[in-house]
Amino acid sequence: MPIQPLATFAASHSREIGRVSSGQFRMPGEPTSLRPAPGPGSTAALASLQTMLAVQEVSPELDERRQRAVRRGEALLAALSDLQLALLGAGDDSACLARLRTVLGDEAPTAIEPELADVLAEIEVRAAVELAKQERDG
């Protein structure tokens, strides 16, 4: 069968496609009586139930730890950016290194989402590398 633009295909096969209602898929020529109507076990009901359960699982303590982790990452990125500007000649690099060392030395939050922990770990490694480079050179 040759490839046709969507509009041409839809126009030429409109009788075969049939009507799709309530999220059901129906093969062309299949009688509608053979397909059961979606019941309480439908995927939409399951997805909304999973969403409600996920919202209930988020505790204020977890949210607070997540916010602390995000603030730590932002502080490390800001310190790295300041160090970059200082090294390019726009500031005092010793003050930036001290700030970076302080932020890196702060206690990292524990028990956060794995994805956020991975990103935070990558930022921390970058900050540690920059500190090591500057201590080696300076």
N, C-alpha and C. Protein backbone atom coordinates (compact mmCIF):
# COMPACT_ATOMS: atom_id res chain seq x y z
N MET A 1 0.86 -1.17 0.00
CA MET A 1 0.00 0.00 0.00
C MET A 1 0.90 1.23 0.00
N PRO A 2 0.69 2.14 -0.92
CA PRO A 2 1.51 3.35 -0.97
C PRO A 2 1.21 4.26 0.22
N ILE A 3 2.20 5.04 0.60
CA ILE A 3 2.03 5.98 1.70
C ILE A 3 1.25 7.18 1.21
N GLN A 4 0.18 7.52 1.93
CA GLN A 4 -0.68 8.64 1.56
C GLN A 4 -0.63 9.69 2.66
N PRO A 5 -0.81 10.96 2.29
CA PRO A 5 -0.95 11.98 3.32
C PRO A 5 -2.14 11.65 4.22
N LEU A 6 -2.09 12.08 5.47
CA LEU A 6 -3.11 11.75 6.45
C LEU A 6 -4.50 12.18 6.00
N ALA A 7 -4.62 13.38 5.46
CA ALA A 7 -5.94 13.88 5.04
C ALA A 7 -6.52 13.00 3.93
N THR A 8 -5.68 12.59 2.99
CA THR A 8 -6.14 11.74 1.89
C THR A 8 -6.56 10.37 2.42
N PHE A 9 -5.76 9.82 3.34
CA PHE A 9 -6.09 8.52 3.92
C PHE A 9 -7.40 8.58 4.68
N ALA A 10 -7.57 9.61 5.52
CA ALA A 10 -8.78 9.73 6.32
C ALA A 10 -10.00 9.89 5.42
N ALA A 11 -9.88 10.66 4.37
CA ALA A 11 -11.03 10.87 3.48
C ALA A 11 -11.38 9.59 2.73
N SER A 12 -10.36 8.86 2.28
CA SER A 12 -10.65 7.67 1.49
C SER A 12 -11.05 6.46 2.33
N HIS A 13 -10.74 6.48 3.63
CA HIS A 13 -11.05 5.34 4.49
C HIS A 13 -12.01 5.70 5.62
N SER A 14 -12.76 6.75 5.45
CA SER A 14 -13.62 7.21 6.55
C SER A 14 -14.66 6.16 6.92
N ARG A 15 -15.20 5.43 5.96
CA ARG A 15 -16.19 4.41 6.28
C ARG A 15 -15.56 3.23 7.00
N GLU A 16 -14.29 2.94 6.70
CA GLU A 16 -13.63 1.79 7.31
C GLU A 16 -13.16 2.09 8.74
N ILE A 17 -12.82 3.33 9.01
CA ILE A 17 -12.26 3.67 10.30
C ILE A 17 -13.30 3.50 11.39
N GLY A 18 -14.53 3.91 11.16
CA GLY A 18 -15.58 3.80 12.16
C GLY A 18 -15.41 4.83 13.26
N ARG A 19 -16.36 4.89 14.09
CA ARG A 19 -16.33 5.85 15.19
C ARG A 19 -15.67 5.21 16.41
N VAL A 20 -14.82 5.99 17.06
CA VAL A 20 -14.19 5.55 18.29
C VAL A 20 -14.81 6.36 19.40
N SER A 21 -15.40 5.66 20.36
CA SER A 21 -16.02 6.38 21.46
C SER A 21 -15.47 5.88 22.78
N SER A 22 -15.42 6.73 23.73
CA SER A 22 -14.99 6.46 25.10
C SER A 22 -13.64 5.77 25.17
N GLY A 23 -12.73 6.17 24.25
CA GLY A 23 -11.37 5.67 24.32
C GLY A 23 -11.17 4.26 23.82
N GLN A 24 -12.15 3.67 23.14
CA GLN A 24 -12.02 2.31 22.65
C GLN A 24 -11.45 2.31 21.24
N PHE A 25 -10.70 1.27 20.94
CA PHE A 25 -10.19 1.06 19.59
C PHE A 25 -11.01 -0.04 18.94
N ARG A 26 -11.37 0.19 17.68
CA ARG A 26 -12.18 -0.80 16.97
C ARG A 26 -11.57 -1.00 15.60
N MET A 27 -11.40 -2.25 15.23
CA MET A 27 -10.87 -2.58 13.91
C MET A 27 -11.94 -2.30 12.86
N PRO A 28 -11.52 -1.93 11.65
CA PRO A 28 -12.50 -1.71 10.58
C PRO A 28 -13.31 -2.97 10.33
N GLY A 29 -14.60 -2.80 10.22
CA GLY A 29 -15.50 -3.90 9.94
C GLY A 29 -15.89 -4.72 11.16
N GLU A 30 -15.31 -4.45 12.32
CA GLU A 30 -15.65 -5.17 13.54
C GLU A 30 -16.95 -4.63 14.10
N PRO A 31 -17.89 -5.49 14.41
CA PRO A 31 -19.14 -5.00 14.99
C PRO A 31 -18.90 -4.44 16.39
N THR A 32 -19.64 -3.40 16.72
CA THR A 32 -19.45 -2.75 18.02
C THR A 32 -19.90 -3.63 19.17
N SER A 33 -20.75 -4.61 18.92
CA SER A 33 -21.26 -5.44 20.01
C SER A 33 -20.21 -6.40 20.56
N LEU A 34 -19.13 -6.66 19.82
CA LEU A 34 -18.10 -7.57 20.27
C LEU A 34 -17.16 -6.94 21.30
N ARG A 35 -17.11 -5.63 21.37
CA ARG A 35 -16.20 -4.94 22.28
C ARG A 35 -16.95 -4.56 23.56
N PRO A 36 -16.47 -4.99 24.71
CA PRO A 36 -17.12 -4.59 25.95
C PRO A 36 -16.84 -3.12 26.26
N ALA A 37 -17.81 -2.51 26.90
CA ALA A 37 -17.63 -1.11 27.30
C ALA A 37 -16.61 -1.05 28.42
N PRO A 38 -15.86 0.05 28.48
CA PRO A 38 -14.86 0.15 29.55
C PRO A 38 -15.54 0.19 30.91
N GLY A 39 -15.00 -0.55 31.83
CA GLY A 39 -15.59 -0.61 33.16
C GLY A 39 -14.71 0.09 34.17
N PRO A 40 -14.93 -0.23 35.44
CA PRO A 40 -14.15 0.42 36.48
C PRO A 40 -12.67 0.09 36.41
N GLY A 41 -12.31 -0.96 35.70
CA GLY A 41 -10.90 -1.33 35.58
C GLY A 41 -10.20 -0.65 34.42
N SER A 42 -10.79 0.36 33.85
CA SER A 42 -10.17 1.01 32.70
C SER A 42 -8.89 1.73 33.10
N THR A 43 -8.05 1.99 32.12
CA THR A 43 -6.76 2.61 32.40
C THR A 43 -6.90 4.03 32.91
N ALA A 44 -7.93 4.74 32.49
CA ALA A 44 -8.12 6.11 32.97
C ALA A 44 -8.41 6.12 34.46
N ALA A 45 -9.25 5.19 34.90
CA ALA A 45 -9.56 5.12 36.33
C ALA A 45 -8.33 4.71 37.13
N LEU A 46 -7.55 3.79 36.58
CA LEU A 46 -6.34 3.34 37.26
C LEU A 46 -5.32 4.47 37.34
N ALA A 47 -5.16 5.24 36.27
CA ALA A 47 -4.21 6.35 36.28
C ALA A 47 -4.60 7.41 37.29
N SER A 48 -5.89 7.72 37.38
CA SER A 48 -6.30 8.73 38.34
C SER A 48 -6.13 8.22 39.77
N LEU A 49 -6.33 6.94 39.99
CA LEU A 49 -6.12 6.36 41.32
C LEU A 49 -4.65 6.41 41.69
N GLN A 50 -3.78 6.09 40.74
CA GLN A 50 -2.34 6.15 41.00
C GLN A 50 -1.89 7.57 41.31
N THR A 51 -2.47 8.54 40.62
CA THR A 51 -2.13 9.93 40.87
C THR A 51 -2.54 10.34 42.27
N MET A 52 -3.74 9.96 42.68
CA MET A 52 -4.20 10.31 44.03
C MET A 52 -3.32 9.68 45.09
N LEU A 53 -2.92 8.43 44.89
CA LEU A 53 -2.05 7.76 45.85
C LEU A 53 -0.67 8.42 45.91
N ALA A 54 -0.16 8.83 44.76
CA ALA A 54 1.15 9.49 44.74
C ALA A 54 1.10 10.81 45.47
N VAL A 55 0.03 11.56 45.32
CA VAL A 55 -0.10 12.83 46.02
C VAL A 55 -0.17 12.61 47.52
N GLN A 56 -0.85 11.57 47.94
CA GLN A 56 -0.96 11.28 49.37
C GLN A 56 0.36 10.84 49.96
N GLU A 57 1.24 10.23 49.14
CA GLU A 57 2.51 9.75 49.64
C GLU A 57 3.50 10.87 49.93
N VAL A 58 3.33 12.03 49.32
CA VAL A 58 4.27 13.13 49.52
C VAL A 58 4.03 13.71 50.90
N SER A 59 5.01 13.53 51.75
CA SER A 59 4.88 14.05 53.11
C SER A 59 5.55 15.42 53.19
N PRO A 60 5.15 16.25 54.13
CA PRO A 60 5.78 17.56 54.29
C PRO A 60 7.28 17.43 54.57
N GLU A 61 7.68 16.39 55.30
CA GLU A 61 9.09 16.20 55.61
C GLU A 61 9.90 15.93 54.34
N LEU A 62 9.36 15.09 53.46
CA LEU A 62 10.03 14.80 52.20
C LEU A 62 10.11 16.04 51.34
N ASP A 63 9.04 16.82 51.32
CA ASP A 63 9.03 18.05 50.54
C ASP A 63 10.07 19.04 51.07
N GLU A 64 10.22 19.11 52.38
CA GLU A 64 11.20 20.01 52.98
C GLU A 64 12.62 19.57 52.62
N ARG A 65 12.89 18.27 52.68
CA ARG A 65 14.21 17.76 52.30
C ARG A 65 14.50 18.03 50.83
N ARG A 66 13.48 17.88 49.99
CA ARG A 66 13.65 18.15 48.56
C ARG A 66 13.99 19.62 48.35
N GLN A 67 13.29 20.52 49.05
CA GLN A 67 13.58 21.95 48.92
C GLN A 67 14.99 22.27 49.39
N ARG A 68 15.44 21.64 50.49
CA ARG A 68 16.81 21.86 50.96
C ARG A 68 17.82 21.38 49.92
N ALA A 69 17.55 20.24 49.29
CA ALA A 69 18.45 19.72 48.26
C ALA A 69 18.51 20.66 47.06
N VAL A 70 17.36 21.19 46.66
CA VAL A 70 17.32 22.12 45.53
C VAL A 70 18.08 23.40 45.88
N ARG A 71 17.88 23.90 47.10
CA ARG A 71 18.60 25.11 47.53
C ARG A 71 20.11 24.86 47.55
N ARG A 72 20.52 23.69 48.00
CA ARG A 72 21.95 23.36 48.02
C ARG A 72 22.50 23.33 46.61
N GLY A 73 21.80 22.70 45.69
CA GLY A 73 22.25 22.66 44.30
C GLY A 73 22.34 24.05 43.69
N GLU A 74 21.34 24.88 43.97
CA GLU A 74 21.36 26.25 43.44
C GLU A 74 22.52 27.04 44.04
N ALA A 75 22.80 26.85 45.33
CA ALA A 75 23.91 27.56 45.97
C ALA A 75 25.25 27.12 45.38
N LEU A 76 25.40 25.82 45.13
CA LEU A 76 26.63 25.33 44.52
C LEU A 76 26.81 25.87 43.11
N LEU A 77 25.73 25.89 42.35
CA LEU A 77 25.81 26.41 40.98
C LEU A 77 26.14 27.91 40.98
N ALA A 78 25.56 28.65 41.92
CA ALA A 78 25.86 30.08 42.02
C ALA A 78 27.32 30.30 42.39
N ALA A 79 27.83 29.49 43.32
CA ALA A 79 29.23 29.62 43.72
C ALA A 79 30.17 29.26 42.56
N LEU A 80 29.81 28.24 41.80
CA LEU A 80 30.61 27.88 40.62
C LEU A 80 30.59 28.99 39.58
N SER A 81 29.43 29.60 39.39
CA SER A 81 29.31 30.70 38.43
C SER A 81 30.14 31.91 38.88
N ASP A 82 30.11 32.22 40.19
CA ASP A 82 30.91 33.32 40.71
C ASP A 82 32.40 33.04 40.55
N LEU A 83 32.80 31.80 40.77
CA LEU A 83 34.20 31.42 40.59
C LEU A 83 34.61 31.57 39.13
N GLN A 84 33.74 31.18 38.23
CA GLN A 84 34.02 31.33 36.80
C GLN A 84 34.26 32.80 36.45
N LEU A 85 33.38 33.68 36.94
CA LEU A 85 33.54 35.11 36.67
C LEU A 85 34.82 35.65 37.30
N ALA A 86 35.14 35.19 38.51
CA ALA A 86 36.35 35.65 39.19
C ALA A 86 37.59 35.22 38.43
N LEU A 87 37.58 34.01 37.91
CA LEU A 87 38.73 33.53 37.16
C LEU A 87 38.90 34.25 35.83
N LEU A 88 37.81 34.76 35.31
CA LEU A 88 37.87 35.53 34.07
C LEU A 88 38.28 36.98 34.32
N GLY A 89 38.49 37.32 35.60
CA GLY A 89 39.00 38.64 35.92
C GLY A 89 38.00 39.61 36.48
N ALA A 90 36.82 39.15 36.85
CA ALA A 90 35.79 40.07 37.30
C ALA A 90 35.54 39.99 38.80
N GLY A 91 36.49 39.46 39.58
CA GLY A 91 36.25 39.38 41.01
C GLY A 91 37.38 38.71 41.76
N ASP A 92 37.15 38.49 43.03
CA ASP A 92 38.15 37.90 43.92
C ASP A 92 37.93 36.39 43.97
N ASP A 93 38.88 35.65 43.39
CA ASP A 93 38.69 34.20 43.34
C ASP A 93 38.89 33.53 44.69
N SER A 94 39.66 34.13 45.61
CA SER A 94 39.83 33.50 46.93
C SER A 94 38.52 33.53 47.72
N ALA A 95 37.76 34.61 47.61
CA ALA A 95 36.47 34.69 48.28
C ALA A 95 35.48 33.69 47.67
N CYS A 96 35.53 33.54 46.36
CA CYS A 96 34.65 32.58 45.69
C CYS A 96 35.00 31.15 46.08
N LEU A 97 36.31 30.86 46.19
CA LEU A 97 36.72 29.52 46.60
C LEU A 97 36.29 29.22 48.03
N ALA A 98 36.40 30.23 48.91
CA ALA A 98 35.96 30.04 50.29
C ALA A 98 34.46 29.77 50.35
N ARG A 99 33.70 30.51 49.55
CA ARG A 99 32.24 30.31 49.52
C ARG A 99 31.90 28.92 48.98
N LEU A 100 32.59 28.52 47.92
CA LEU A 100 32.35 27.20 47.34
C LEU A 100 32.71 26.10 48.34
N ARG A 101 33.81 26.26 49.06
CA ARG A 101 34.22 25.30 50.07
C ARG A 101 33.18 25.20 51.19
N THR A 102 32.65 26.35 51.59
CA THR A 102 31.64 26.38 52.65
C THR A 102 30.35 25.67 52.22
N VAL A 103 29.88 26.01 51.04
CA VAL A 103 28.64 25.40 50.55
C VAL A 103 28.83 23.90 50.35
N LEU A 104 29.98 23.51 49.83
CA LEU A 104 30.24 22.09 49.61
C LEU A 104 30.38 21.34 50.93
N GLY A 105 30.86 22.01 51.96
CA GLY A 105 31.03 21.39 53.26
C GLY A 105 29.74 21.27 54.05
N ASP A 106 28.70 22.00 53.67
CA ASP A 106 27.41 21.89 54.36
C ASP A 106 26.87 20.48 54.20
N GLU A 107 26.07 20.08 55.18
CA GLU A 107 25.51 18.73 55.16
C GLU A 107 24.52 18.58 54.01
N ALA A 108 24.71 17.53 53.25
CA ALA A 108 23.81 17.24 52.12
C ALA A 108 22.56 16.56 52.65
N PRO A 109 21.38 16.93 52.14
CA PRO A 109 20.15 16.27 52.56
C PRO A 109 20.14 14.80 52.14
N THR A 110 19.50 13.99 52.94
CA THR A 110 19.42 12.55 52.64
C THR A 110 17.99 12.17 52.31
N ALA A 111 17.85 11.00 51.74
CA ALA A 111 16.54 10.41 51.43
C ALA A 111 15.69 11.31 50.57
N ILE A 112 16.23 11.70 49.41
CA ILE A 112 15.46 12.46 48.43
C ILE A 112 15.28 11.59 47.19
N GLU A 113 14.57 12.08 46.22
CA GLU A 113 14.32 11.30 45.01
C GLU A 113 15.65 10.94 44.35
N PRO A 114 15.75 9.75 43.78
CA PRO A 114 17.01 9.32 43.16
C PRO A 114 17.48 10.26 42.05
N GLU A 115 16.55 10.77 41.25
CA GLU A 115 16.94 11.66 40.15
C GLU A 115 17.55 12.95 40.69
N LEU A 116 16.93 13.52 41.70
CA LEU A 116 17.44 14.75 42.31
C LEU A 116 18.78 14.48 42.99
N ALA A 117 18.91 13.34 43.64
CA ALA A 117 20.18 12.98 44.29
C ALA A 117 21.29 12.84 43.26
N ASP A 118 20.98 12.28 42.09
CA ASP A 118 21.98 12.14 41.03
C ASP A 118 22.45 13.50 40.52
N VAL A 119 21.50 14.41 40.28
CA VAL A 119 21.86 15.74 39.80
C VAL A 119 22.70 16.47 40.84
N LEU A 120 22.29 16.39 42.08
CA LEU A 120 23.02 17.05 43.17
C LEU A 120 24.43 16.46 43.29
N ALA A 121 24.57 15.16 43.14
CA ALA A 121 25.89 14.52 43.20
C ALA A 121 26.79 15.01 42.08
N GLU A 122 26.23 15.19 40.89
CA GLU A 122 27.02 15.68 39.76
C GLU A 122 27.50 17.11 40.01
N ILE A 123 26.64 17.94 40.58
CA ILE A 123 27.03 19.32 40.90
C ILE A 123 28.12 19.31 41.96
N GLU A 124 27.97 18.46 42.97
CA GLU A 124 28.97 18.38 44.03
C GLU A 124 30.32 17.92 43.50
N VAL A 125 30.32 16.95 42.59
CA VAL A 125 31.57 16.49 41.98
C VAL A 125 32.22 17.62 41.21
N ARG A 126 31.44 18.37 40.46
CA ARG A 126 32.00 19.49 39.69
C ARG A 126 32.62 20.53 40.62
N ALA A 127 31.95 20.82 41.72
CA ALA A 127 32.47 21.79 42.69
C ALA A 127 33.75 21.27 43.32
N ALA A 128 33.79 20.00 43.67
CA ALA A 128 34.99 19.41 44.27
C ALA A 128 36.16 19.43 43.29
N VAL A 129 35.88 19.18 42.03
CA VAL A 129 36.93 19.22 41.01
C VAL A 129 37.49 20.64 40.88
N GLU A 130 36.62 21.62 40.85
CA GLU A 130 37.08 23.02 40.75
C GLU A 130 37.92 23.41 41.96
N LEU A 131 37.50 22.99 43.15
CA LEU A 131 38.29 23.27 44.35
C LEU A 131 39.67 22.61 44.27
N ALA A 132 39.71 21.37 43.85
CA ALA A 132 40.98 20.65 43.74
C ALA A 132 41.89 21.31 42.70
N LYS A 133 41.33 21.72 41.58
CA LYS A 133 42.13 22.39 40.55
C LYS A 133 42.74 23.68 41.07
N GLN A 134 41.92 24.47 41.78
CA GLN A 134 42.41 25.75 42.28
C GLN A 134 43.45 25.57 43.38
N GLU A 135 43.26 24.57 44.23
CA GLU A 135 44.25 24.30 45.27
C GLU A 135 45.56 23.80 44.68
N ARG A 136 45.47 23.03 43.63
CA ARG A 136 46.66 22.52 42.95
C ARG A 136 47.44 23.66 42.29
N ASP A 137 46.70 24.56 41.63
CA ASP A 137 47.32 25.65 40.89
C ASP A 137 47.72 26.83 41.79
N GLY A 138 47.10 26.91 42.91
CA GLY A 138 47.25 28.14 43.61
C GLY A 138 47.85 28.26 44.89
